[in-house]
C-alpha cells in the first residue's frame, strides 16, 4: 500500500514526530545557508542538535555572557508561564 505524500516513514521502529517552529525568517534563511554549505538539511541539523544536547547533557555551545541572553531567557520563561496558564 503506498504511503501518503505527507506521511513520514518510521525509522527502525522509532516514530518520527513533526515539529512546528516559529522562527524569524531571516534567521532561518541564514541558518539554511550554513546547513547547505555543510551538506545538511534543516531536519538533519535539528536532529544533530538534539543528539549533541543529549550526549553532552546541556546545550552544545557556550552561554552568552551578556545581559541580553538573560533578558531573552526571562521573556521565554514568562511566555511559557502564560501558555501554561491557558
C-alpha atoms as a PDB file:
ATOM      1  CA  UNK A   1       0.000   0.000   0.000  1.00  0.00           C
ATOM      2  CA  UNK A   2       1.531   3.375  -0.986  1.00  0.00           C
ATOM      3  CA  UNK A   3       2.372   5.841   1.779  1.00  0.00           C
ATOM      4  CA  UNK A   4       0.513   9.177   1.731  1.00  0.00           C
ATOM      5  CA  UNK A   5       2.647  12.060   0.473  1.00  0.00           C
ATOM      6  CA  UNK A   6       2.571  13.890   3.805  1.00  0.00           C
ATOM      7  CA  UNK A   7       3.456  10.837   5.919  1.00  0.00           C
ATOM      8  CA  UNK A   8       6.954  10.396   7.266  1.00  0.00           C
ATOM      9  CA  UNK A   9       8.400   6.877   7.199  1.00  0.00           C
ATOM     10  CA  UNK A  10       9.131   5.232  10.516  1.00  0.00           C
ATOM     11  CA  UNK A  11      12.800   4.742  11.212  1.00  0.00           C
ATOM     12  CA  UNK A  12      13.986   1.485  12.725  1.00  0.00           C
ATOM     13  CA  UNK A  13      10.972   1.021  14.987  1.00  0.00           C
ATOM     14  CA  UNK A  14      11.033   4.619  16.230  1.00  0.00           C
ATOM     15  CA  UNK A  15       8.284   7.057  15.374  1.00  0.00           C
ATOM     16  CA  UNK A  16       9.186  10.393  13.833  1.00  0.00           C
ATOM     17  CA  UNK A  17       7.348  13.455  15.065  1.00  0.00           C
ATOM     18  CA  UNK A  18       6.528  16.616  13.166  1.00  0.00           C
ATOM     19  CA  UNK A  19       7.575  19.837  14.897  1.00  0.00           C
ATOM     20  CA  UNK A  20       6.256  23.311  14.217  1.00  0.00           C
ATOM     21  CA  UNK A  21       8.656  26.141  14.972  1.00  0.00           C
ATOM     22  CA  UNK A  22       8.147  29.878  14.980  1.00  0.00           C
ATOM     23  CA  UNK A  23      11.409  31.497  13.970  1.00  0.00           C
ATOM     24  CA  UNK A  24      12.421  34.750  12.342  1.00  0.00           C
ATOM     25  CA  UNK A  25      12.627  34.195   8.571  1.00  0.00           C
ATOM     26  CA  UNK A  26      15.993  35.939   8.242  1.00  0.00           C
ATOM     27  CA  UNK A  27      17.475  33.711  10.966  1.00  0.00           C
ATOM     28  CA  UNK A  28      16.054  30.645   9.225  1.00  0.00           C
ATOM     29  CA  UNK A  29      17.454  31.613   5.822  1.00  0.00           C
ATOM     30  CA  UNK A  30      20.891  32.389   7.269  1.00  0.00           C
ATOM     31  CA  UNK A  31      20.949  29.051   9.088  1.00  0.00           C
ATOM     32  CA  UNK A  32      19.774  27.182   5.969  1.00  0.00           C
ATOM     33  CA  UNK A  33      22.696  28.688   4.038  1.00  0.00           C
ATOM     34  CA  UNK A  34      25.120  27.355   6.666  1.00  0.00           C
ATOM     35  CA  UNK A  35      23.443  23.934   6.681  1.00  0.00           C
ATOM     36  CA  UNK A  36      23.586  23.827   2.890  1.00  0.00           C
ATOM     37  CA  UNK A  37      27.329  24.577   2.905  1.00  0.00           C
ATOM     38  CA  UNK A  38      27.726  21.682   5.346  1.00  0.00           C
ATOM     39  CA  UNK A  39      25.600  19.369   3.210  1.00  0.00           C
ATOM     40  CA  UNK A  40      22.800  19.190   5.791  1.00  0.00           C
ATOM     41  CA  UNK A  41      19.057  19.656   5.589  1.00  0.00           C
ATOM     42  CA  UNK A  42      17.242  21.591   8.316  1.00  0.00           C
ATOM     43  CA  UNK A  43      15.882  18.308   9.649  1.00  0.00           C
ATOM     44  CA  UNK A  44      19.359  16.783   9.822  1.00  0.00           C
ATOM     45  CA  UNK A  45      20.748  19.871  11.566  1.00  0.00           C
ATOM     46  CA  UNK A  46      17.993  19.841  14.201  1.00  0.00           C
ATOM     47  CA  UNK A  47      18.484  16.107  14.747  1.00  0.00           C
ATOM     48  CA  UNK A  48      22.231  16.662  15.227  1.00  0.00           C
ATOM     49  CA  UNK A  49      21.500  19.472  17.692  1.00  0.00           C
ATOM     50  CA  UNK A  50      19.177  17.218  19.711  1.00  0.00           C
ATOM     51  CA  UNK A  51      21.629  14.296  19.714  1.00  0.00           C
ATOM     52  CA  UNK A  52      24.537  16.528  20.765  1.00  0.00           C
ATOM     53  CA  UNK A  53      22.404  18.070  23.532  1.00  0.00           C
ATOM     54  CA  UNK A  54      21.583  14.580  24.824  1.00  0.00           C
ATOM     55  CA  UNK A  55      25.204  13.411  24.614  1.00  0.00           C
ATOM     56  CA  UNK A  56      26.520  16.463  26.489  1.00  0.00           C
ATOM     57  CA  UNK A  57      23.611  16.773  28.917  1.00  0.00           C
ATOM     58  CA  UNK A  58      23.475  20.501  28.216  1.00  0.00           C
ATOM     59  CA  UNK A  59      23.295  22.888  25.287  1.00  0.00           C
ATOM     60  CA  UNK A  60      26.187  22.055  22.944  1.00  0.00           C
ATOM     61  CA  UNK A  61      27.567  25.599  22.899  1.00  0.00           C
ATOM     62  CA  UNK A  62      28.652  28.172  25.466  1.00  0.00           C
ATOM     63  CA  UNK A  63      26.262  30.568  27.139  1.00  0.00           C
ATOM     64  CA  UNK A  64      26.215  34.194  26.098  1.00  0.00           C
ATOM     65  CA  UNK A  65      27.994  36.374  28.609  1.00  0.00           C
ATOM     66  CA  UNK A  66      25.901  39.488  28.099  1.00  0.00           C
ATOM     67  CA  UNK A  67      22.690  40.588  29.803  1.00  0.00           C
ATOM     68  CA  UNK A  68      20.652  40.285  26.601  1.00  0.00           C
ATOM     69  CA  UNK A  69      20.660  36.496  26.866  1.00  0.00           C
ATOM     70  CA  UNK A  70      19.319  36.657  30.436  1.00  0.00           C
ATOM     71  CA  UNK A  71      16.564  39.045  29.367  1.00  0.00           C
ATOM     72  CA  UNK A  72      15.609  36.797  26.468  1.00  0.00           C
ATOM     73  CA  UNK A  73      15.529  33.735  28.748  1.00  0.00           C
ATOM     74  CA  UNK A  74      13.346  35.643  31.239  1.00  0.00           C
ATOM     75  CA  UNK A  75      10.935  36.606  28.426  1.00  0.00           C
ATOM     76  CA  UNK A  76      10.818  32.993  27.226  1.00  0.00           C
ATOM     77  CA  UNK A  77      10.044  31.764  30.740  1.00  0.00           C
ATOM     78  CA  UNK A  78       7.302  34.382  31.091  1.00  0.00           C
ATOM     79  CA  UNK A  79       5.829  33.266  27.760  1.00  0.00           C
ATOM     80  CA  UNK A  80       5.877  29.605  28.825  1.00  0.00           C
ATOM     81  CA  UNK A  81       4.129  30.565  32.061  1.00  0.00           C
ATOM     82  CA  UNK A  82       1.449  32.393  30.038  1.00  0.00           C
ATOM     83  CA  UNK A  83       0.929  29.311  27.853  1.00  0.00           C
ATOM     84  CA  UNK A  84       0.731  27.032  30.911  1.00  0.00           C
ATOM     85  CA  UNK A  85      -1.905  29.303  32.432  1.00  0.00           C
ATOM     86  CA  UNK A  86      -4.219  28.862  29.441  1.00  0.00           C
END
